[in-house]
Structures are given as C-alpha cells and as structure tokens.
Amino acid sequence: MGAAIGRRLVRSGCTVFTDLTGRSPASHQRAKDAGMQDLPLSEFSKKCAWVLSILPPRDALSFAQRFRATLDRDLANTDQNIVAGDESDLVFVDCNAVNPTTVQKIRDVFAGTNVRFLDAGIIGGPPKDSGYTPTIYASAAPGDLDVLQRFSGLNEHGMKIVPLTGEGADVGAASALKMSYAGMTKGVTGILTTMVLAAHRSSPATADALLHELNDSAPALLSRITSSVPGMLPKAYRWVDEMYEISDFVGEGEGDIHRGIGKLYERVQRSLESNSQEGDVEVLNEFVSKAKELMKDE
C-alpha cells in the first residue's frame, strides 16, 4: 500500500521520501519503482511537510516512537528555536489499521512537540495506474481542523481524502471507521474461510455437499468465497494483527469473534509457509476451483 501511494504522489509531482534502512532488497526495489527517494528518518523533520505512516499494525506505535526519538536528538543537538520552527510545519498522519485506543497512544507520542497529528484510515486496495484510488478517511482533534483541511489538498495529487467531521469526530474516529469496515469485509471472508475448512475437516464429502448447497440456496455467499478467498491468501499474514486490533475495538465478549478470525489468518499463513500440497491453502484453492466450475455451468 505504501509504495503504491508513494508512486501515485510521485507521478502527480510530489517528492516522496522513505527510510530504507534495514529494509529488504524487495522493499528497495519497490521504492525505486515507485520513484521514492531514500532518506534517513532523522532527516524527515527537515525536509517533509507530511509524514504518512503506512505499516503493518504491529509496527505503527514503534515507528512513531522512533520518529519522536529522532526529534528529541535534534532538539538536543540543535538550536531549540530552529527545531520548533521546523516541527511546526510537520504533520504526522497515522494511516494504519489500528483501533482508536492505539491511535490515541500514537498521538500522545508527540506530546510536547509542535508536530501536528491526524488520524487516517485507508479503505480499499492500493492505487492502480488504471485509475482506481482507495478512500482515505481522516479525522483530527477539534483544534486541528485546519490541518485536516490542508490534508485534503492532497486530492490535487491523485489522492481521495475524505475529512471525517461532525458530532463526536476526533482523533480515533477515522480509525474506528476503518475497524468497523474491515471488521465486516475481512471478518466475513474469515468466517467463510473458517467454515469451508471446518466442513472439509469433517470430510471431503461434507465440503462438496456444502459447495452444492451454497450454489443452490446461497449463491451470493459462494460468489463471495470465489472472489475474496484467493485474494486473502497472500495477505493473511498482514490481516492477523488487524483482526486483533478490531477485537480490542469491539471489546471483550463480542470482540472474541475477530480474535478467532485473527487465529484463522495465522493458520492460513502457516499453511502458506509450509508449501504443503495437503494443507489448508490447498483445500481452499480446490474449493474455489470447484465453485467456479459449478457456477460457470449454471
């Protein structure tokens, strides 16, 4: 997602930096292909107007803490007034799939600095050269609505940013929207996947009967399986922590649903890593293949 958004911004005329320290060769290549420039994190506050944090959920808070540490080192080594002036033009936008409590902790990392903060949630897939653009919903503290409006200016650079304002909107509102939407879409995919695997565990005959019954009485569900499960498989590892964030957002009790779905995505990830021809991924691929053939014959 981050590389695709960077590519879109670069193509619209923006200069986009990324810190590639310790990153894999594949990450280096993606950044190069996107036209992004490598820059140490310590230089971001000097050269950037916006810092967009787009990471796996488990890394969101630690990245903010590392960035704050670079600001503190600059403050210790540089004239305080100069640093404060630089920070006042900098906005940190957390775009990660985290729950409102987590994003508020990330906001609090910048307490005592002049860095402004926005909460954002990306809904949809990465931008595509064909013209597709995900929606980035963004919210702010009541005193930062001017920053929220300025962030919407990136729509002139190929983004689709929608300010989330109105009654009760604050830091956490955009993340709550992301949690709610992903809890439905990725949650449904997880439930469908779980039941296909459970049916097959009972017996292949049970899975085949499920396939035909879905085709007869719930074709929309079968269509959803064929469209969502194949795309989920390579992304399952990224959805694990997102499900746990959703679980914490929903709360104890009902939130156990998404904690269980997170465990399901961990299971899919292990199956992918094992490369087994008899594992869960093979079962799911076979079910999808049979479903497509059945639907084609209708």
C-alpha atoms as a PDB file:
ATOM      1  CA  MET A   1       0.000   0.000   0.000  1.00  0.00           C
ATOM      2  CA  GLY A   2       2.718   2.478   0.982  1.00  0.00           C
ATOM      3  CA  ALA A   3       4.689   2.023  -2.232  1.00  0.00           C
ATOM      4  CA  ALA A   4       1.558   2.363  -4.366  1.00  0.00           C
ATOM      5  CA  ILE A   5       0.509   5.580  -2.631  1.00  0.00           C
ATOM      6  CA  GLY A   6       4.068   6.868  -2.955  1.00  0.00           C
ATOM      7  CA  ARG A   7       4.020   6.078  -6.666  1.00  0.00           C
ATOM      8  CA  ARG A   8       0.742   7.962  -7.133  1.00  0.00           C
ATOM      9  CA  LEU A   9       2.095  11.031  -5.323  1.00  0.00           C
ATOM     10  CA  VAL A  10       5.382  10.966  -7.239  1.00  0.00           C
ATOM     11  CA  ARG A  11       3.548  10.745 -10.553  1.00  0.00           C
ATOM     12  CA  SER A  12       1.493  13.784  -9.581  1.00  0.00           C
ATOM     13  CA  GLY A  13       4.623  15.838  -8.990  1.00  0.00           C
ATOM     14  CA  CYS A  14       5.336  15.318  -5.278  1.00  0.00           C
ATOM     15  CA  THR A  15       8.726  14.479  -3.822  1.00  0.00           C
ATOM     16  CA  VAL A  16       8.308  11.387  -1.661  1.00  0.00           C
ATOM     17  CA  PHE A  17      10.935  10.146   0.787  1.00  0.00           C
ATOM     18  CA  THR A  18      11.137   6.804   2.557  1.00  0.00           C
ATOM     19  CA  ASP A  19      13.631   5.397   5.033  1.00  0.00           C
ATOM     20  CA  LEU A  20      15.037   2.152   3.625  1.00  0.00           C
ATOM     21  CA  THR A  21      17.459   1.497   6.483  1.00  0.00           C
ATOM     22  CA  GLY A  22      17.460  -2.234   7.210  1.00  0.00           C
ATOM     23  CA  ARG A  23      14.789  -2.940   4.614  1.00  0.00           C
ATOM     24  CA  SER A  24      14.848  -5.934   2.273  1.00  0.00           C
ATOM     25  CA  PRO A  25      16.057  -5.846  -1.340  1.00  0.00           C
ATOM     26  CA  ALA A  26      12.411  -6.223  -2.398  1.00  0.00           C
ATOM     27  CA  SER A  27      11.497  -3.097  -0.421  1.00  0.00           C
ATOM     28  CA  HIS A  28      14.359  -1.200  -2.025  1.00  0.00           C
ATOM     29  CA  GLN A  29      13.137  -2.240  -5.470  1.00  0.00           C
ATOM     30  CA  ARG A  30       9.520  -1.263  -4.739  1.00  0.00           C
ATOM     31  CA  ALA A  31      10.657   2.162  -3.571  1.00  0.00           C
ATOM     32  CA  LYS A  32      12.800   2.607  -6.667  1.00  0.00           C
ATOM     33  CA  ASP A  33       9.983   1.527  -8.976  1.00  0.00           C
ATOM     34  CA  ALA A  34       7.659   3.992  -7.232  1.00  0.00           C
ATOM     35  CA  GLY A  35      10.119   6.847  -7.668  1.00  0.00           C
ATOM     36  CA  MET A  36      10.574   7.412  -3.941  1.00  0.00           C
ATOM     37  CA  GLN A  37      13.882   8.674  -2.575  1.00  0.00           C
ATOM     38  CA  ASP A  38      15.765   7.078   0.314  1.00  0.00           C
ATOM     39  CA  LEU A  39      16.201   9.422   3.268  1.00  0.00           C
ATOM     40  CA  PRO A  40      17.258   8.696   6.857  1.00  0.00           C
ATOM     41  CA  LEU A  41      14.429   9.066   9.347  1.00  0.00           C
ATOM     42  CA  SER A  42      16.426  11.740  11.160  1.00  0.00           C
ATOM     43  CA  GLU A  43      16.105  13.997   8.113  1.00  0.00           C
ATOM     44  CA  PHE A  44      12.326  13.763   7.738  1.00  0.00           C
ATOM     45  CA  SER A  45      11.539  16.701  10.031  1.00  0.00           C
ATOM     46  CA  LYS A  46      13.864  18.917   7.990  1.00  0.00           C
ATOM     47  CA  LYS A  47      12.596  18.062   4.516  1.00  0.00           C
ATOM     48  CA  CYS A  48       8.996  16.847   4.825  1.00  0.00           C
ATOM     49  CA  ALA A  49       5.670  18.598   5.266  1.00  0.00           C
ATOM     50  CA  TRP A  50       3.765  15.348   5.779  1.00  0.00           C
ATOM     51  CA  VAL A  51       4.780  12.015   7.293  1.00  0.00           C
ATOM     52  CA  LEU A  52       2.378   9.270   6.235  1.00  0.00           C
ATOM     53  CA  SER A  53       2.777   6.181   8.414  1.00  0.00           C
ATOM     54  CA  ILE A  54       1.592   3.150   6.396  1.00  0.00           C
ATOM     55  CA  LEU A  55       2.804  -0.037   8.070  1.00  0.00           C
ATOM     56  CA  PRO A  56       1.651  -3.382   9.434  1.00  0.00           C
ATOM     57  CA  PRO A  57      -0.446  -2.569  12.538  1.00  0.00           C
ATOM     58  CA  ARG A  58       2.100  -4.102  14.929  1.00  0.00           C
ATOM     59  CA  ASP A  59       4.716  -1.543  13.806  1.00  0.00           C
ATOM     60  CA  ALA A  60       2.574   1.595  13.981  1.00  0.00           C
ATOM     61  CA  LEU A  61       3.334   2.663  17.560  1.00  0.00           C
ATOM     62  CA  SER A  62       7.022   1.720  17.491  1.00  0.00           C
ATOM     63  CA  PHE A  63       7.568   3.723  14.285  1.00  0.00           C
ATOM     64  CA  ALA A  64       6.034   6.817  15.879  1.00  0.00           C
ATOM     65  CA  GLN A  65       8.282   6.325  18.902  1.00  0.00           C
ATOM     66  CA  ARG A  66      11.370   6.011  16.699  1.00  0.00           C
ATOM     67  CA  PHE A  67      10.397   9.166  14.838  1.00  0.00           C
ATOM     68  CA  ARG A  68       9.866  11.058  18.093  1.00  0.00           C
ATOM     69  CA  ALA A  69      13.307   9.881  19.231  1.00  0.00           C
ATOM     70  CA  THR A  70      14.883  11.498  16.153  1.00  0.00           C
ATOM     71  CA  LEU A  71      13.135  14.764  17.014  1.00  0.00           C
ATOM     72  CA  ASP A  72      14.453  14.596  20.573  1.00  0.00           C
ATOM     73  CA  ARG A  73      18.001  14.004  19.319  1.00  0.00           C
ATOM     74  CA  ASP A  74      17.688  17.011  17.008  1.00  0.00           C
ATOM     75  CA  LEU A  75      16.423  19.111  19.898  1.00  0.00           C
ATOM     76  CA  ALA A  76      19.423  18.104  21.988  1.00  0.00           C
ATOM     77  CA  ASN A  77      21.903  18.927  19.220  1.00  0.00           C
ATOM     78  CA  THR A  78      20.350  21.969  17.558  1.00  0.00           C
ATOM     79  CA  ASP A  79      19.125  25.412  18.477  1.00  0.00           C
ATOM     80  CA  GLN A  80      15.710  24.836  20.091  1.00  0.00           C
ATOM     81  CA  ASN A  81      14.000  27.669  18.234  1.00  0.00           C
ATOM     82  CA  ILE A  82      15.082  26.332  14.854  1.00  0.00           C
ATOM     83  CA  VAL A  83      13.824  22.850  15.634  1.00  0.00           C
ATOM     84  CA  ALA A  84      10.500  24.151  16.911  1.00  0.00           C
ATOM     85  CA  GLY A  85      10.102  26.165  13.726  1.00  0.00           C
ATOM     86  CA  ASP A  86      10.729  23.092  11.592  1.00  0.00           C
ATOM     87  CA  GLU A  87       8.307  20.949  13.597  1.00  0.00           C
ATOM     88  CA  SER A  88       5.502  23.484  13.340  1.00  0.00           C
ATOM     89  CA  ASP A  89       5.264  22.788   9.607  1.00  0.00           C
ATOM     90  CA  LEU A  90       5.235  19.000  10.033  1.00  0.00           C
ATOM     91  CA  VAL A  91       2.137  16.814  10.189  1.00  0.00           C
ATOM     92  CA  PHE A  92       2.266  13.149  11.217  1.00  0.00           C
ATOM     93  CA  VAL A  93      -0.603  11.160   9.683  1.00  0.00           C
ATOM     94  CA  ASP A  94      -1.166   7.672  11.080  1.00  0.00           C
ATOM     95  CA  CYS A  95      -2.781   5.678   8.249  1.00  0.00           C
ATOM     96  CA  ASN A  96      -2.541   2.265   9.882  1.00  0.00           C
ATOM     97  CA  ALA A  97      -5.245  -0.312  10.624  1.00  0.00           C
ATOM     98  CA  VAL A  98      -5.251   0.220  14.372  1.00  0.00           C
ATOM     99  CA  ASN A  99      -8.028   0.784  16.879  1.00  0.00           C
ATOM    100  CA  PRO A 100      -8.852   4.209  18.360  1.00  0.00           C
ATOM    101  CA  THR A 101      -7.040   3.484  21.632  1.00  0.00           C
ATOM    102  CA  THR A 102      -3.851   2.609  19.734  1.00  0.00           C
ATOM    103  CA  VAL A 103      -4.025   5.693  17.518  1.00  0.00           C
ATOM    104  CA  GLN A 104      -4.510   7.900  20.582  1.00  0.00           C
ATOM    105  CA  LYS A 105      -1.353   6.374  22.065  1.00  0.00           C
ATOM    106  CA  ILE A 106       0.437   7.226  18.817  1.00  0.00           C
ATOM    107  CA  ARG A 107      -0.866  10.807  19.008  1.00  0.00           C
ATOM    108  CA  ASP A 108       0.407  11.068  22.586  1.00  0.00           C
ATOM    109  CA  VAL A 109       3.918  10.133  21.428  1.00  0.00           C
ATOM    110  CA  PHE A 110       4.177  13.661  20.008  1.00  0.00           C
ATOM    111  CA  ALA A 111       3.023  15.447  23.161  1.00  0.00           C
ATOM    112  CA  GLY A 112       5.394  18.294  23.955  1.00  0.00           C
ATOM    113  CA  THR A 113       6.374  18.845  20.303  1.00  0.00           C
ATOM    114  CA  ASN A 114       4.939  21.146  17.653  1.00  0.00           C
ATOM    115  CA  VAL A 115       4.211  18.208  15.338  1.00  0.00           C
ATOM    116  CA  ARG A 116       0.544  18.210  14.294  1.00  0.00           C
ATOM    117  CA  PHE A 117      -1.316  14.894  14.167  1.00  0.00           C
ATOM    118  CA  LEU A 118      -4.044  13.365  12.020  1.00  0.00           C
ATOM    119  CA  ASP A 119      -5.806  10.011  12.332  1.00  0.00           C
ATOM    120  CA  ALA A 120      -6.481   8.317   8.990  1.00  0.00           C
ATOM    121  CA  GLY A 121      -7.921   5.041   7.763  1.00  0.00           C
ATOM    122  CA  ILE A 122      -7.414   3.657   4.261  1.00  0.00           C
ATOM    123  CA  ILE A 123     -10.404   1.798   2.853  1.00  0.00           C
ATOM    124  CA  GLY A 124      -9.783  -0.147  -0.335  1.00  0.00           C
ATOM    125  CA  GLY A 125      -6.804  -1.627  -2.134  1.00  0.00           C
ATOM    126  CA  PRO A 126      -3.623   0.104  -3.354  1.00  0.00           C
ATOM    127  CA  PRO A 127      -3.943   2.805  -6.034  1.00  0.00           C
ATOM    128  CA  LYS A 128      -3.702   1.436  -9.563  1.00  0.00           C
ATOM    129  CA  ASP A 129      -2.470   3.019 -12.791  1.00  0.00           C
ATOM    130  CA  SER A 130      -5.860   2.147 -14.284  1.00  0.00           C
ATOM    131  CA  GLY A 131      -7.311   4.953 -12.194  1.00  0.00           C
ATOM    132  CA  TYR A 132      -8.511   3.172  -9.069  1.00  0.00           C
ATOM    133  CA  THR A 133      -7.930   5.110  -5.850  1.00  0.00           C
ATOM    134  CA  PRO A 134      -8.729   3.989  -2.282  1.00  0.00           C
ATOM    135  CA  THR A 135     -10.506   6.356   0.063  1.00  0.00           C
ATOM    136  CA  ILE A 136      -8.526   7.809   2.952  1.00  0.00           C
ATOM    137  CA  TYR A 137     -10.826   8.986   5.717  1.00  0.00           C
ATOM    138  CA  ALA A 138      -9.130  11.397   8.120  1.00  0.00           C
ATOM    139  CA  SER A 139     -10.089  12.925  11.451  1.00  0.00           C
ATOM    140  CA  ALA A 140      -8.449  15.387  13.800  1.00  0.00           C
ATOM    141  CA  ALA A 141      -8.705  16.957  17.220  1.00  0.00           C
ATOM    142  CA  PRO A 142     -11.073  19.963  17.201  1.00  0.00           C
ATOM    143  CA  GLY A 143      -8.102  22.323  17.301  1.00  0.00           C
ATOM    144  CA  ASP A 144      -6.511  20.766  14.206  1.00  0.00           C
ATOM    145  CA  LEU A 145      -9.360  21.097  11.699  1.00  0.00           C
ATOM    146  CA  ASP A 146      -7.201  23.494   9.663  1.00  0.00           C
ATOM    147  CA  VAL A 147      -4.633  20.716   9.255  1.00  0.00           C
ATOM    148  CA  LEU A 148      -7.386  18.317   8.202  1.00  0.00           C
ATOM    149  CA  GLN A 149      -8.446  20.772   5.521  1.00  0.00           C
ATOM    150  CA  ARG A 150      -4.867  21.136   4.300  1.00  0.00           C
ATOM    151  CA  PHE A 151      -4.506  17.354   4.143  1.00  0.00           C
ATOM    152  CA  SER A 152      -7.494  17.271   1.780  1.00  0.00           C
ATOM    153  CA  GLY A 153      -5.369  19.344  -0.582  1.00  0.00           C
ATOM    154  CA  LEU A 154      -3.520  16.150  -1.489  1.00  0.00           C
ATOM    155  CA  ASN A 155      -6.603  15.305  -3.546  1.00  0.00           C
ATOM    156  CA  GLU A 156      -4.999  17.546  -6.166  1.00  0.00           C
ATOM    157  CA  HIS A 157      -2.170  14.984  -6.274  1.00  0.00           C
ATOM    158  CA  GLY A 158      -4.212  11.898  -7.059  1.00  0.00           C
ATOM    159  CA  MET A 159      -5.440  11.052  -3.588  1.00  0.00           C
ATOM    160  CA  LYS A 160      -9.039  10.594  -2.427  1.00  0.00           C
ATOM    161  CA  ILE A 161      -9.093  12.057   1.069  1.00  0.00           C
ATOM    162  CA  VAL A 162     -12.405  12.487   2.870  1.00  0.00           C
ATOM    163  CA  PRO A 163     -12.392  14.538   6.090  1.00  0.00           C
ATOM    164  CA  LEU A 164     -14.429  12.872   8.822  1.00  0.00           C
ATOM    165  CA  THR A 165     -16.108  15.675  10.717  1.00  0.00           C
ATOM    166  CA  GLY A 166     -19.334  16.165  12.628  1.00  0.00           C
ATOM    167  CA  GLU A 167     -20.682  15.237  16.020  1.00  0.00           C
ATOM    168  CA  GLY A 168     -18.088  13.491  18.180  1.00  0.00           C
ATOM    169  CA  ALA A 169     -15.411  13.334  15.463  1.00  0.00           C
ATOM    170  CA  ASP A 170     -11.905  13.460  16.950  1.00  0.00           C
ATOM    171  CA  VAL A 171      -8.636  11.532  16.805  1.00  0.00           C
ATOM    172  CA  GLY A 172      -9.822   7.921  16.738  1.00  0.00           C
ATOM    173  CA  ALA A 173     -12.910   8.478  14.580  1.00  0.00           C
ATOM    174  CA  ALA A 174     -11.179   7.567  11.310  1.00  0.00           C
ATOM    175  CA  SER A 175      -9.571   4.515  12.896  1.00  0.00           C
ATOM    176  CA  ALA A 176     -12.952   3.444  14.278  1.00  0.00           C
ATOM    177  CA  LEU A 177     -14.389   3.653  10.762  1.00  0.00           C
ATOM    178  CA  LYS A 178     -11.528   1.531   9.414  1.00  0.00           C
ATOM    179  CA  MET A 179     -12.035  -1.037  12.187  1.00  0.00           C
ATOM    180  CA  SER A 180     -15.781  -1.195  11.515  1.00  0.00           C
ATOM    181  CA  TYR A 181     -15.402  -1.569   7.747  1.00  0.00           C
ATOM    182  CA  ALA A 182     -12.570  -4.119   7.888  1.00  0.00           C
ATOM    183  CA  GLY A 183     -14.371  -5.984  10.653  1.00  0.00           C
ATOM    184  CA  MET A 184     -17.224  -6.528   8.221  1.00  0.00           C
ATOM    185  CA  THR A 185     -15.362  -7.196   4.975  1.00  0.00           C
ATOM    186  CA  LYS A 186     -12.294  -9.118   6.182  1.00  0.00           C
ATOM    187  CA  GLY A 187     -14.353 -10.567   9.010  1.00  0.00           C
ATOM    188  CA  VAL A 188     -16.861 -12.087   6.589  1.00  0.00           C
ATOM    189  CA  THR A 189     -14.016 -13.508   4.484  1.00  0.00           C
ATOM    190  CA  GLY A 190     -12.553 -15.070   7.636  1.00  0.00           C
ATOM    191  CA  ILE A 191     -15.863 -16.643   8.675  1.00  0.00           C
ATOM    192  CA  LEU A 192     -16.434 -18.092   5.204  1.00  0.00           C
ATOM    193  CA  THR A 193     -12.890 -19.480   5.160  1.00  0.00           C
ATOM    194  CA  THR A 194     -13.302 -20.971   8.624  1.00  0.00           C
ATOM    195  CA  MET A 195     -16.460 -22.857   7.693  1.00  0.00           C
ATOM    196  CA  VAL A 196     -15.027 -24.238   4.438  1.00  0.00           C
ATOM    197  CA  LEU A 197     -12.054 -25.616   6.370  1.00  0.00           C
ATOM    198  CA  ALA A 198     -14.295 -26.973   9.129  1.00  0.00           C
ATOM    199  CA  ALA A 199     -16.532 -28.738   6.603  1.00  0.00           C
ATOM    200  CA  HIS A 200     -13.508 -30.306   4.903  1.00  0.00           C
ATOM    201  CA  ARG A 201     -12.076 -31.394   8.247  1.00  0.00           C
ATOM    202  CA  SER A 202     -15.292 -33.340   8.820  1.00  0.00           C
ATOM    203  CA  SER A 203     -14.924 -34.984   5.404  1.00  0.00           C
ATOM    204  CA  PRO A 204     -14.332 -34.044   1.763  1.00  0.00           C
ATOM    205  CA  ALA A 205     -17.883 -35.241   1.130  1.00  0.00           C
ATOM    206  CA  THR A 206     -19.172 -32.659   3.615  1.00  0.00           C
ATOM    207  CA  ALA A 207     -17.263 -29.908   1.841  1.00  0.00           C
ATOM    208  CA  ASP A 208     -18.670 -30.982  -1.525  1.00  0.00           C
ATOM    209  CA  ALA A 209     -22.200 -31.007  -0.122  1.00  0.00           C
ATOM    210  CA  LEU A 210     -21.625 -27.517   1.319  1.00  0.00           C
ATOM    211  CA  LEU A 211     -20.452 -26.343  -2.073  1.00  0.00           C
ATOM    212  CA  HIS A 212     -23.584 -27.553  -3.850  1.00  0.00           C
ATOM    213  CA  GLU A 213     -25.954 -26.308  -1.152  1.00  0.00           C
ATOM    214  CA  LEU A 214     -24.420 -22.836  -1.296  1.00  0.00           C
ATOM    215  CA  ASN A 215     -24.813 -22.838  -5.062  1.00  0.00           C
ATOM    216  CA  ASP A 216     -28.478 -23.814  -4.726  1.00  0.00           C
ATOM    217  CA  SER A 217     -29.620 -21.700  -1.792  1.00  0.00           C
ATOM    218  CA  ALA A 218     -26.972 -19.016  -1.113  1.00  0.00           C
ATOM    219  CA  PRO A 219     -25.192 -18.250  -4.412  1.00  0.00           C
ATOM    220  CA  ALA A 220     -24.139 -14.797  -3.177  1.00  0.00           C
ATOM    221  CA  LEU A 221     -22.091 -16.428  -0.412  1.00  0.00           C
ATOM    222  CA  LEU A 222     -20.473 -18.825  -2.867  1.00  0.00           C
ATOM    223  CA  SER A 223     -19.634 -15.935  -5.172  1.00  0.00           C
ATOM    224  CA  ARG A 224     -18.119 -14.088  -2.214  1.00  0.00           C
ATOM    225  CA  ILE A 225     -15.912 -17.093  -1.441  1.00  0.00           C
ATOM    226  CA  THR A 226     -14.613 -17.273  -5.013  1.00  0.00           C
ATOM    227  CA  SER A 227     -13.908 -13.541  -5.157  1.00  0.00           C
ATOM    228  CA  SER A 228     -12.429 -12.953  -1.683  1.00  0.00           C
ATOM    229  CA  VAL A 229     -10.583 -16.089  -0.610  1.00  0.00           C
ATOM    230  CA  PRO A 230      -7.928 -16.186  -3.381  1.00  0.00           C
ATOM    231  CA  GLY A 231      -7.000 -12.559  -2.732  1.00  0.00           C
ATOM    232  CA  MET A 232      -6.916 -13.133   1.008  1.00  0.00           C
ATOM    233  CA  LEU A 233      -4.369 -15.953   0.930  1.00  0.00           C
ATOM    234  CA  PRO A 234      -1.207 -13.899   0.222  1.00  0.00           C
ATOM    235  CA  LYS A 235      -2.406 -11.129   2.547  1.00  0.00           C
ATOM    236  CA  ALA A 236      -3.399 -13.276   5.537  1.00  0.00           C
ATOM    237  CA  TYR A 237      -0.181 -12.523   7.436  1.00  0.00           C
ATOM    238  CA  ARG A 238      -0.974  -8.794   7.258  1.00  0.00           C
ATOM    239  CA  TRP A 239      -4.530  -9.248   8.462  1.00  0.00           C
ATOM    240  CA  VAL A 240      -3.651 -11.095  11.676  1.00  0.00           C
ATOM    241  CA  ASP A 241      -2.818  -8.040  13.789  1.00  0.00           C
ATOM    242  CA  GLU A 242      -5.603  -6.062  12.141  1.00  0.00           C
ATOM    243  CA  MET A 243      -8.118  -8.606  13.440  1.00  0.00           C
ATOM    244  CA  TYR A 244      -6.657  -8.304  16.937  1.00  0.00           C
ATOM    245  CA  GLU A 245      -6.943  -4.516  16.741  1.00  0.00           C
ATOM    246  CA  ILE A 246     -10.597  -4.922  15.695  1.00  0.00           C
ATOM    247  CA  SER A 247     -11.163  -7.321  18.584  1.00  0.00           C
ATOM    248  CA  ASP A 248      -9.882  -4.743  21.048  1.00  0.00           C
ATOM    249  CA  PHE A 249     -12.032  -2.077  19.375  1.00  0.00           C
ATOM    250  CA  VAL A 250     -15.215  -4.140  19.689  1.00  0.00           C
ATOM    251  CA  GLY A 251     -14.400  -5.107  23.268  1.00  0.00           C
ATOM    252  CA  GLU A 252     -14.471  -8.171  25.472  1.00  0.00           C
ATOM    253  CA  GLY A 253     -17.125 -10.713  24.542  1.00  0.00           C
ATOM    254  CA  GLU A 254     -18.222  -9.888  21.005  1.00  0.00           C
ATOM    255  CA  GLY A 255     -14.642  -8.939  20.170  1.00  0.00           C
ATOM    256  CA  ASP A 256     -13.687 -12.584  20.585  1.00  0.00           C
ATOM    257  CA  ILE A 257     -15.150 -13.130  17.109  1.00  0.00           C
ATOM    258  CA  HIS A 258     -12.351 -11.195  15.447  1.00  0.00           C
ATOM    259  CA  ARG A 259      -9.704 -12.594  17.767  1.00  0.00           C
ATOM    260  CA  GLY A 260     -10.738 -16.006  16.463  1.00  0.00           C
ATOM    261  CA  ILE A 261     -10.576 -14.759  12.877  1.00  0.00           C
ATOM    262  CA  GLY A 262      -7.058 -13.498  13.584  1.00  0.00           C
ATOM    263  CA  LYS A 263      -6.109 -17.030  14.641  1.00  0.00           C
ATOM    264  CA  LEU A 264      -7.649 -18.304  11.395  1.00  0.00           C
ATOM    265  CA  TYR A 265      -5.433 -15.954   9.379  1.00  0.00           C
ATOM    266  CA  GLU A 266      -2.411 -17.142  11.372  1.00  0.00           C
ATOM    267  CA  ARG A 267      -3.369 -20.686  10.394  1.00  0.00           C
ATOM    268  CA  VAL A 268      -3.569 -19.711   6.723  1.00  0.00           C
ATOM    269  CA  GLN A 269      -0.180 -18.023   6.991  1.00  0.00           C
ATOM    270  CA  ARG A 270       1.379 -21.192   8.447  1.00  0.00           C
ATOM    271  CA  SER A 271      -0.149 -23.247   5.638  1.00  0.00           C
ATOM    272  CA  LEU A 272       1.330 -20.917   3.023  1.00  0.00           C
ATOM    273  CA  GLU A 273       4.757 -21.094   4.632  1.00  0.00           C
ATOM    274  CA  SER A 274       4.677 -24.912   4.754  1.00  0.00           C
ATOM    275  CA  ASN A 275       4.064 -25.242   0.991  1.00  0.00           C
ATOM    276  CA  SER A 276       2.121 -28.426   1.734  1.00  0.00           C
ATOM    277  CA  GLN A 277       0.005 -29.939  -1.010  1.00  0.00           C
ATOM    278  CA  GLU A 278      -2.400 -31.241   1.618  1.00  0.00           C
ATOM    279  CA  GLY A 279      -2.725 -28.166   3.831  1.00  0.00           C
ATOM    280  CA  ASP A 280      -5.398 -25.546   4.321  1.00  0.00           C
ATOM    281  CA  VAL A 281      -4.390 -23.446   1.333  1.00  0.00           C
ATOM    282  CA  GLU A 282      -4.725 -26.428  -0.992  1.00  0.00           C
ATOM    283  CA  VAL A 283      -8.172 -27.198   0.464  1.00  0.00           C
ATOM    284  CA  LEU A 284      -9.286 -23.606  -0.087  1.00  0.00           C
ATOM    285  CA  ASN A 285      -7.908 -23.417  -3.612  1.00  0.00           C
ATOM    286  CA  GLU A 286      -9.644 -26.660  -4.534  1.00  0.00           C
ATOM    287  CA  PHE A 287     -12.959 -25.465  -3.065  1.00  0.00           C
ATOM    288  CA  VAL A 288     -12.733 -22.190  -5.014  1.00  0.00           C
ATOM    289  CA  SER A 289     -11.825 -24.005  -8.235  1.00  0.00           C
ATOM    290  CA  LYS A 290     -14.791 -26.366  -7.908  1.00  0.00           C
ATOM    291  CA  ALA A 291     -17.087 -23.449  -7.045  1.00  0.00           C
ATOM    292  CA  LYS A 292     -16.072 -21.535 -10.159  1.00  0.00           C
ATOM    293  CA  GLU A 293     -16.706 -24.574 -12.356  1.00  0.00           C
ATOM    294  CA  LEU A 294     -20.100 -25.142 -10.748  1.00  0.00           C
ATOM    295  CA  MET A 295     -21.124 -21.518 -11.125  1.00  0.00           C
ATOM    296  CA  LYS A 296     -19.950 -21.486 -14.743  1.00  0.00           C
ATOM    297  CA  ASP A 297     -22.200 -24.445 -15.561  1.00  0.00           C
ATOM    298  CA  GLU A 298     -25.303 -22.753 -14.186  1.00  0.00           C
END
